[in-house]
Protein backbone atom coordinates (compact mmCIF):
# COMPACT_ATOMS: atom_id res chain seq x y z
CA UNK A 1 56.24 -0.33 -38.86
CA UNK A 2 58.18 2.23 -40.92
CA UNK A 3 61.09 0.72 -42.87
CA UNK A 4 62.23 3.99 -44.47
CA UNK A 5 65.29 5.78 -43.14
CA UNK A 6 65.03 9.20 -41.52
CA UNK A 7 66.97 12.23 -42.84
CA UNK A 8 69.31 11.88 -39.85
CA UNK A 9 69.97 8.24 -40.70
CA UNK A 10 70.61 9.09 -44.35
CA UNK A 11 73.09 11.74 -43.23
CA UNK A 12 74.78 9.16 -41.03
CA UNK A 13 75.02 6.81 -44.05
CA UNK A 14 76.71 9.51 -46.11
CA UNK A 15 79.22 10.22 -43.34
CA UNK A 16 80.13 6.53 -43.07
CA UNK A 17 80.40 6.21 -46.85
CA UNK A 18 82.75 9.21 -47.09
CA UNK A 19 84.96 7.98 -44.25
CA UNK A 20 85.23 4.46 -45.67
CA UNK A 21 86.10 5.86 -49.10
CA UNK A 22 88.95 7.84 -47.58
CA UNK A 23 90.30 5.12 -45.27
CA UNK A 24 89.73 1.70 -46.87
CA UNK A 25 92.97 0.66 -48.64
CA UNK A 26 92.16 0.16 -52.35
CA UNK A 27 94.23 -3.02 -52.60
CA UNK A 28 92.07 -4.60 -49.89
CA UNK A 29 88.86 -3.45 -51.57
CA UNK A 30 90.07 -4.99 -54.86
CA UNK A 31 90.65 -8.32 -53.15
CA UNK A 32 87.22 -8.31 -51.54
CA UNK A 33 85.34 -7.37 -54.71
CA UNK A 34 87.07 -10.20 -56.58
CA UNK A 35 86.96 -12.77 -53.75
CA UNK A 36 90.74 -12.99 -53.58
CA UNK A 37 92.37 -14.38 -50.46
CA UNK A 38 92.92 -11.91 -47.64
CA UNK A 39 96.04 -12.17 -45.52
CA UNK A 40 96.23 -11.67 -41.76
CA UNK A 41 97.74 -8.25 -42.41
CA UNK A 42 94.76 -7.35 -44.61
CA UNK A 43 92.21 -8.42 -42.02
CA UNK A 44 93.95 -7.04 -38.96
CA UNK A 45 95.07 -3.91 -40.79
CA UNK A 46 91.48 -2.97 -41.54
CA UNK A 47 90.47 -3.90 -37.98
CA UNK A 48 93.09 -1.52 -36.60
CA UNK A 49 91.93 1.28 -38.91
CA UNK A 50 88.40 0.81 -37.57
CA UNK A 51 89.74 0.52 -34.03
CA UNK A 52 91.57 3.83 -34.28
CA UNK A 53 88.32 5.46 -35.37
CA UNK A 54 86.44 3.73 -32.53
CA UNK A 55 84.29 1.74 -34.94
CA UNK A 56 85.61 -1.81 -34.61
CA UNK A 57 83.23 -2.32 -31.71
CA UNK A 58 80.50 -0.68 -33.73
CA UNK A 59 77.76 -2.48 -31.81
CA UNK A 60 79.11 -1.54 -28.38
CA UNK A 61 77.47 0.92 -25.98
CA UNK A 62 79.37 4.06 -25.05
CA UNK A 63 80.00 2.86 -21.50
CA UNK A 64 82.36 0.21 -22.91
CA UNK A 65 84.07 2.47 -25.43
CA UNK A 66 81.76 1.94 -28.38
CA UNK A 67 80.02 4.59 -30.49
CA UNK A 68 76.62 3.86 -28.94
CA UNK A 69 74.90 3.61 -32.32
CA UNK A 70 71.29 2.63 -32.77
CA UNK A 71 70.40 -0.68 -34.40
CA UNK A 72 69.65 1.13 -37.66
CA UNK A 73 72.98 2.95 -37.62
CA UNK A 74 74.77 -0.36 -37.12
CA UNK A 75 72.92 -1.78 -40.11
CA UNK A 76 73.85 1.19 -42.29
CA UNK A 77 77.49 0.92 -41.22
CA UNK A 78 77.53 -2.78 -42.16
CA UNK A 79 75.90 -2.03 -45.50
CA UNK A 80 78.26 0.79 -46.49
CA UNK A 81 81.42 -1.10 -45.53
CA UNK A 82 80.26 -4.23 -47.37
CA UNK A 83 79.36 -2.39 -50.57
CA UNK A 84 82.67 -0.50 -50.47
CA UNK A 85 84.58 -3.78 -50.45
CA UNK A 86 85.73 -3.80 -46.84
CA UNK A 87 86.56 -7.19 -45.32
CA UNK A 88 84.07 -8.60 -42.88
CA UNK A 89 85.02 -7.75 -39.33
CA UNK A 90 86.37 -10.98 -37.84
CA UNK A 91 83.51 -11.48 -35.37
CA UNK A 92 85.08 -13.59 -32.63
CA UNK A 93 86.36 -10.63 -30.62
CA UNK A 94 84.16 -7.56 -31.17
CA UNK A 95 80.88 -9.27 -32.12
CA UNK A 96 80.92 -12.49 -30.10
CA UNK A 97 83.05 -12.63 -26.96
CA UNK A 98 82.93 -8.90 -26.19
CA UNK A 99 79.14 -8.87 -25.54
CA UNK A 100 79.59 -11.86 -23.22
CA UNK A 101 82.34 -10.08 -21.28
CA UNK A 102 80.16 -6.96 -21.07
CA UNK A 103 77.11 -8.87 -19.88
CA UNK A 104 78.65 -11.49 -17.59
CA UNK A 105 82.28 -10.56 -16.95
CA UNK A 106 83.39 -8.65 -13.88
CA UNK A 107 84.79 -5.12 -13.95
CA UNK A 108 88.40 -6.34 -13.89
CA UNK A 109 87.82 -8.65 -16.88
CA UNK A 110 86.12 -5.86 -18.80
CA UNK A 111 89.02 -3.51 -18.11
CA UNK A 112 91.56 -6.17 -19.03
CA UNK A 113 90.11 -7.60 -22.24
CA UNK A 114 87.83 -5.07 -23.94
CA UNK A 115 90.44 -2.43 -24.93
CA UNK A 116 92.53 -4.94 -26.91
CA UNK A 117 89.41 -6.12 -28.73
CA UNK A 118 88.27 -2.56 -29.49
CA UNK A 119 91.66 -1.57 -30.93
CA UNK A 120 92.02 -4.65 -33.14
CA UNK A 121 95.35 -5.49 -31.50
CA UNK A 122 94.24 -8.83 -30.00
CA UNK A 123 92.97 -11.63 -32.24
CA UNK A 124 90.37 -13.90 -30.65
CA UNK A 125 89.40 -17.43 -31.64
CA UNK A 126 86.35 -19.52 -30.80
CA UNK A 127 86.68 -22.82 -28.93
CA UNK A 128 83.25 -24.41 -29.33
CA UNK A 129 83.11 -27.33 -31.80
CA UNK A 130 84.80 -30.62 -30.99
CA UNK A 131 85.00 -33.95 -32.82
CA UNK A 132 81.44 -35.21 -32.37
CA UNK A 133 80.22 -31.94 -30.80
CA UNK A 134 79.08 -29.45 -33.38
CA UNK A 135 75.44 -28.40 -33.27
CA UNK A 136 75.09 -30.41 -30.04
CA UNK A 137 77.40 -28.23 -27.98
CA UNK A 138 76.04 -29.69 -24.76
CA UNK A 139 78.14 -32.78 -25.50
CA UNK A 140 81.52 -30.99 -25.29
CA UNK A 141 84.18 -33.07 -23.59
CA UNK A 142 87.15 -30.72 -23.23
CA UNK A 143 87.72 -30.83 -19.49
CA UNK A 144 88.80 -28.08 -17.11
CA UNK A 145 89.70 -29.26 -13.61
CA UNK A 146 89.98 -26.68 -10.83
CA UNK A 147 93.24 -26.89 -8.89
CA UNK A 148 93.58 -24.04 -6.45
CA UNK A 149 93.73 -20.74 -8.31
CA UNK A 150 93.90 -22.29 -11.78
CA UNK A 151 92.18 -24.70 -14.14
CA UNK A 152 93.96 -27.56 -15.91
CA UNK A 153 92.50 -27.94 -19.40
CA UNK A 154 92.70 -31.10 -21.50
CA UNK A 155 90.89 -31.89 -24.73
CA UNK A 156 90.46 -30.85 -28.33
CA UNK A 157 88.57 -28.31 -30.41
CA UNK A 158 88.10 -28.48 -34.17
CA UNK A 159 87.05 -26.26 -37.10
CA UNK A 160 88.63 -23.34 -35.26
CA UNK A 161 88.37 -20.61 -37.88
CA UNK A 162 91.64 -18.68 -38.34
CA UNK A 163 92.89 -20.18 -35.10
CA UNK A 164 96.43 -20.05 -36.47
CA UNK A 165 96.30 -16.28 -35.88
CA UNK A 166 94.70 -16.46 -32.45
CA UNK A 167 96.14 -14.67 -29.42
CA UNK A 168 93.27 -15.64 -27.11
CA UNK A 169 90.41 -18.14 -27.26
CA UNK A 170 87.03 -18.18 -25.54
CA UNK A 171 86.36 -21.77 -24.67
CA UNK A 172 83.47 -23.95 -23.64
CA UNK A 173 84.88 -26.49 -21.18
CA UNK A 174 83.33 -29.19 -19.02
CA UNK A 175 83.74 -28.57 -15.31
CA UNK A 176 81.13 -31.05 -14.08
CA UNK A 177 79.50 -34.31 -15.19
CA UNK A 178 76.60 -34.07 -12.76
CA UNK A 179 73.05 -33.36 -13.84
CA UNK A 180 72.08 -32.37 -17.38
CA UNK A 181 75.00 -31.97 -19.83
CA UNK A 182 74.24 -28.25 -20.19
CA UNK A 183 74.67 -27.61 -16.46
CA UNK A 184 78.31 -28.74 -16.33
CA UNK A 185 79.79 -26.33 -18.89
CA UNK A 186 81.88 -23.25 -18.09
CA UNK A 187 83.08 -20.30 -20.20
CA UNK A 188 86.84 -19.87 -19.98
CA UNK A 189 89.22 -17.35 -21.59
CA UNK A 190 92.49 -18.99 -22.61
CA UNK A 191 95.80 -17.51 -23.75
CA UNK A 192 96.74 -19.45 -26.90
CA UNK A 193 100.43 -18.90 -26.21
CA UNK A 194 100.14 -21.01 -23.05
CA UNK A 195 102.31 -24.14 -22.83
CA UNK A 196 100.37 -27.19 -23.94
CA UNK A 197 98.33 -25.47 -26.68
CA UNK A 198 98.92 -26.96 -30.13
CA UNK A 199 97.26 -25.60 -33.29
CA UNK A 200 97.22 -28.00 -36.24
CA UNK A 201 95.96 -26.85 -39.66
CA UNK A 202 93.11 -28.57 -41.49
CA UNK A 203 93.81 -28.23 -45.20
CA UNK A 204 90.70 -27.55 -47.26
CA UNK A 205 89.83 -28.90 -50.71
CA UNK A 206 91.18 -25.74 -52.34
CA UNK A 207 94.46 -26.02 -50.43
CA UNK A 208 93.57 -23.17 -48.12
CA UNK A 209 94.21 -23.00 -44.39
CA UNK A 210 91.18 -21.41 -42.80
CA UNK A 211 90.28 -23.90 -40.07
CA UNK A 212 92.28 -25.79 -37.47
CA UNK A 213 92.34 -28.41 -34.78
CA UNK A 214 93.43 -27.12 -31.39
CA UNK A 215 94.73 -29.47 -28.69
CA UNK A 216 95.06 -28.78 -24.97
CA UNK A 217 97.55 -30.86 -22.97
CA UNK A 218 97.50 -29.90 -19.29
CA UNK A 219 97.09 -26.22 -20.14
CA UNK A 220 97.08 -24.01 -17.05
CA UNK A 221 94.47 -21.25 -17.10
CA UNK A 222 94.16 -18.79 -14.18
CA UNK A 223 90.81 -19.12 -12.43
CA UNK A 224 90.37 -15.36 -12.84
CA UNK A 225 89.78 -16.06 -16.56
CA UNK A 226 86.46 -17.77 -15.81
CA UNK A 227 83.55 -15.70 -17.06
CA UNK A 228 80.66 -15.55 -14.62
CA UNK A 229 79.97 -18.61 -12.51
CA UNK A 230 81.33 -22.11 -12.91
CA UNK A 231 78.90 -24.48 -14.67
CA UNK A 232 76.85 -21.55 -16.03
CA UNK A 233 78.67 -21.34 -19.34
CA UNK A 234 75.72 -22.72 -21.32
CA UNK A 235 73.75 -19.56 -20.52
CA UNK A 236 76.61 -17.37 -21.73
CA UNK A 237 77.08 -19.49 -24.86
CA UNK A 238 73.45 -19.02 -25.87
CA UNK A 239 73.85 -15.26 -25.46
CA UNK A 240 76.85 -15.39 -27.79
CA UNK A 241 75.21 -17.67 -30.37
CA UNK A 242 72.37 -15.19 -30.94
CA UNK A 243 75.00 -12.66 -32.05
CA UNK A 244 76.74 -15.25 -34.24
CA UNK A 245 73.60 -16.40 -36.03
CA UNK A 246 72.45 -12.87 -36.82
CA UNK A 247 75.96 -12.10 -38.10
CA UNK A 248 75.92 -15.17 -40.37
CA UNK A 249 72.86 -13.80 -42.22
CA UNK A 250 75.16 -11.07 -43.61
CA UNK A 251 72.59 -9.55 -45.94
CA UNK A 252 74.94 -6.73 -46.93
CA UNK A 253 77.61 -9.09 -48.24
CA UNK A 254 74.86 -10.87 -50.19
CA UNK A 255 73.93 -7.57 -51.84
CA UNK A 256 77.56 -6.99 -52.82
CA UNK A 257 78.00 -10.53 -54.14
CA UNK A 258 74.77 -10.21 -56.14
CA UNK A 259 76.41 -7.39 -58.09
CA UNK A 260 79.50 -9.56 -58.60
CA UNK A 261 77.29 -12.36 -59.91
CA UNK A 262 75.76 -9.96 -62.43
CA UNK A 263 79.23 -8.80 -63.55
CA UNK A 264 80.34 -12.39 -64.10
CA UNK A 265 77.13 -13.32 -65.94
CA UNK A 266 77.47 -10.33 -68.27
CA UNK A 267 81.16 -10.91 -68.96
CA UNK A 268 80.54 -14.58 -69.74
CA UNK A 269 77.57 -13.87 -72.03
CA UNK A 270 74.89 -15.65 -70.02
CA UNK A 271 73.11 -12.62 -68.61
CA UNK A 272 70.88 -12.46 -71.69
CA UNK A 273 69.74 -16.04 -71.15
CA UNK A 274 66.18 -15.62 -69.87
CA UNK A 275 66.23 -18.69 -67.63
CA UNK A 276 69.53 -17.73 -66.03
CA UNK A 277 68.35 -14.18 -65.47
CA UNK A 278 65.20 -15.58 -63.85
CA UNK A 279 67.43 -17.32 -61.29
CA UNK A 280 69.28 -14.07 -60.61
CA UNK A 281 65.93 -12.29 -60.21
CA UNK A 282 64.66 -14.90 -57.73
CA UNK A 283 67.88 -14.58 -55.75
CA UNK A 284 67.55 -10.79 -55.71
CA UNK A 285 63.97 -11.04 -54.45
CA UNK A 286 65.07 -13.33 -51.62
CA UNK A 287 67.91 -10.96 -50.67
CA UNK A 288 65.44 -8.06 -50.51
CA UNK A 289 63.11 -10.22 -48.38
CA UNK A 290 66.00 -11.06 -46.04
CA UNK A 291 66.84 -7.36 -45.77
CA UNK A 292 63.22 -6.57 -44.93
CA UNK A 293 63.33 -9.20 -42.19
CA UNK A 294 66.46 -7.60 -40.77
CA UNK A 295 64.83 -4.17 -40.92
CA UNK A 296 61.75 -5.52 -39.15
CA UNK A 297 63.95 -6.65 -36.28
CA UNK A 298 65.70 -3.25 -36.25
CA UNK A 299 62.39 -1.40 -36.36
CA UNK A 300 61.09 -3.36 -33.37
CA UNK A 301 64.30 -2.71 -31.44
CA UNK A 302 64.18 1.01 -32.22
CA UNK A 303 60.56 1.34 -31.10
CA UNK A 304 61.23 -0.54 -27.87
CA UNK A 305 59.04 -3.48 -28.83
CA UNK A 306 60.04 -7.08 -28.37
CA UNK A 307 60.89 -8.53 -31.76
CA UNK A 308 60.45 -12.19 -32.60
CA UNK A 309 63.33 -14.45 -31.73
CA UNK A 310 64.38 -14.79 -35.37
CA UNK A 311 68.16 -15.14 -35.06
CA UNK A 312 67.85 -18.75 -36.22
CA UNK A 313 65.58 -17.78 -39.10
CA UNK A 314 68.00 -15.09 -40.26
CA UNK A 315 70.80 -17.65 -40.14
CA UNK A 316 68.81 -20.17 -42.22
CA UNK A 317 67.87 -17.76 -44.98
CA UNK A 318 71.20 -15.93 -45.05
CA UNK A 319 73.28 -19.10 -45.29
CA UNK A 320 71.11 -20.58 -48.04
CA UNK A 321 71.38 -17.35 -50.03
CA UNK A 322 75.18 -17.46 -49.75
CA UNK A 323 75.18 -20.95 -51.21
CA UNK A 324 72.86 -19.96 -54.03
CA UNK A 325 74.91 -17.00 -55.25
CA UNK A 326 78.10 -19.08 -55.20
CA UNK A 327 76.34 -21.79 -57.23
CA UNK A 328 75.07 -19.29 -59.79
CA UNK A 329 78.55 -17.80 -60.15
CA UNK A 330 79.90 -21.26 -60.94
CA UNK A 331 77.15 -21.84 -63.49
CA UNK A 332 77.86 -18.47 -65.11
CA UNK A 333 81.57 -19.22 -65.37
CA UNK A 334 81.05 -22.72 -66.73
CA UNK A 335 84.23 -24.66 -67.35
CA UNK A 336 86.33 -21.58 -66.56
CA UNK A 337 85.14 -21.76 -62.95
CA UNK A 338 86.84 -25.07 -62.34
CA UNK A 339 90.62 -24.49 -62.64
CA UNK A 340 92.25 -23.81 -59.30
CA UNK A 341 96.03 -23.66 -59.21
CA UNK A 342 96.71 -22.17 -55.83
CA UNK A 343 100.41 -21.55 -56.43
CA UNK A 344 99.61 -19.61 -59.58
CA UNK A 345 96.98 -17.53 -57.81
CA UNK A 346 99.37 -16.72 -54.97
CA UNK A 347 101.93 -15.63 -57.56
CA UNK A 348 99.45 -13.14 -58.98
CA UNK A 349 97.70 -15.03 -61.78
CA UNK A 350 93.96 -14.35 -61.59
CA UNK A 351 92.76 -15.17 -65.08
CA UNK A 352 94.86 -12.31 -66.44
CA UNK A 353 95.33 -13.65 -69.94
CA UNK A 354 93.94 -12.12 -73.16
CA UNK A 355 90.18 -12.32 -72.84
CA UNK A 356 90.43 -13.80 -69.34
CA UNK A 357 88.11 -12.81 -66.51
CA UNK A 358 89.93 -12.22 -63.18
CA UNK A 359 86.68 -12.67 -61.25
CA UNK A 360 86.50 -16.34 -62.28
CA UNK A 361 89.75 -17.57 -60.75
CA UNK A 362 88.56 -17.88 -57.12
CA UNK A 363 85.08 -19.26 -57.89
CA UNK A 364 85.95 -22.82 -56.95
CA UNK A 365 87.19 -21.70 -53.55
CA UNK A 366 84.07 -19.58 -52.98
CA UNK A 367 81.78 -22.45 -53.94
CA UNK A 368 83.49 -24.98 -51.69
CA UNK A 369 83.73 -22.54 -48.79
CA UNK A 370 80.03 -21.74 -48.84
CA UNK A 371 79.12 -25.42 -48.31
CA UNK A 372 79.83 -24.84 -44.61
CA UNK A 373 77.37 -22.00 -44.05
CA UNK A 374 74.33 -24.20 -43.45
CA UNK A 375 76.28 -26.19 -40.84
CA UNK A 376 78.30 -23.80 -38.69
CA UNK A 377 76.69 -21.64 -36.04
CA UNK A 378 74.16 -24.42 -35.49
CA UNK A 379 73.08 -26.50 -38.48
CA UNK A 380 70.02 -25.31 -40.37
CA UNK A 381 68.14 -28.50 -39.47
CA UNK A 382 68.59 -27.66 -35.78
CA UNK A 383 67.70 -24.01 -36.40
CA UNK A 384 64.42 -25.03 -38.03
CA UNK A 385 63.49 -26.93 -34.90
CA UNK A 386 64.33 -23.89 -32.77
CA UNK A 387 62.29 -21.58 -34.98
CA UNK A 388 59.35 -24.00 -34.89
CA UNK A 389 59.41 -24.03 -31.09
CA UNK A 390 60.15 -20.39 -30.28
CA UNK A 391 58.56 -18.49 -33.16
CA UNK A 392 55.73 -20.66 -34.48
CA UNK A 393 54.86 -22.13 -31.07
């Protein structure tokens, strides 16, 4: 196994770095480097810039309009955009539902839905979790009843990330109660502007609006929006979740946030504390180890070998690392990490007083937000069971 990059790959990295430097709006980069809140225009604006270049679907094969990059090239692209301060690509469209449509959708569905995802014009949301159905997705209760050439959908989804912006939603719905719970689930694409769809915000502890409840009251969905076969949605969902869990690891964002942690520690005078620096060093070692694990998977894929099924393991380690760097940032900031006056931040105040540190203002939001990472995408407790069964045997 060779984990070093070839001259061609290094050249590719330099090309990506130069393009991102010329095309990433500096005001967006500033927000990302300082963990300031990104608006819909920020997120979708960057998506459209990538879409125009043909890079929003950076993991797509050429036959579907993607660049056809290797696994290593995709990794280098993710690394360069993260370190430059680009927002994370909202994964629901290009990273999650698009591969499902490519693998299991028919030609008409591919022609209809993929171009809007690739351009960044259409915002997708995920309809998986329900009250009482999180890691146990087989227990979903949202019902879709076939009536002629349409389905009638009734039920509720929750924790729908950025669902307030959604144009379309990919939805796990129950179409049968016979047999095992997994065998009665279907994968349905739903227009969120349809009559009967209600999106209700869930306000977070920091006052933010990132997640939502979504209600379906006799929503009519054309039967042509069913992906694959009825009652086979569990198979398609598992295909999608492998992409989600690998994406959650997000080693490149961890590398960027490690540098932010060091900046905060130095500005607050705790970087010279040997015990605190030991914690930073241990975190850095774990980030390097996570990166090596990612590169192992990429190396196996490049050589044509079957890599271990480590999507769950990547998710476990990546999510725990995200929590650790947010905790260390809070410790570095001390009492100055705690104030959170959302109205003041929205008006432009970010610790910009004499001697103030702008990087401290959003730390409370970052800390709270990272509590979710070990739960979503399949809780880490469940992932450990999966890893024990599929990897350790």
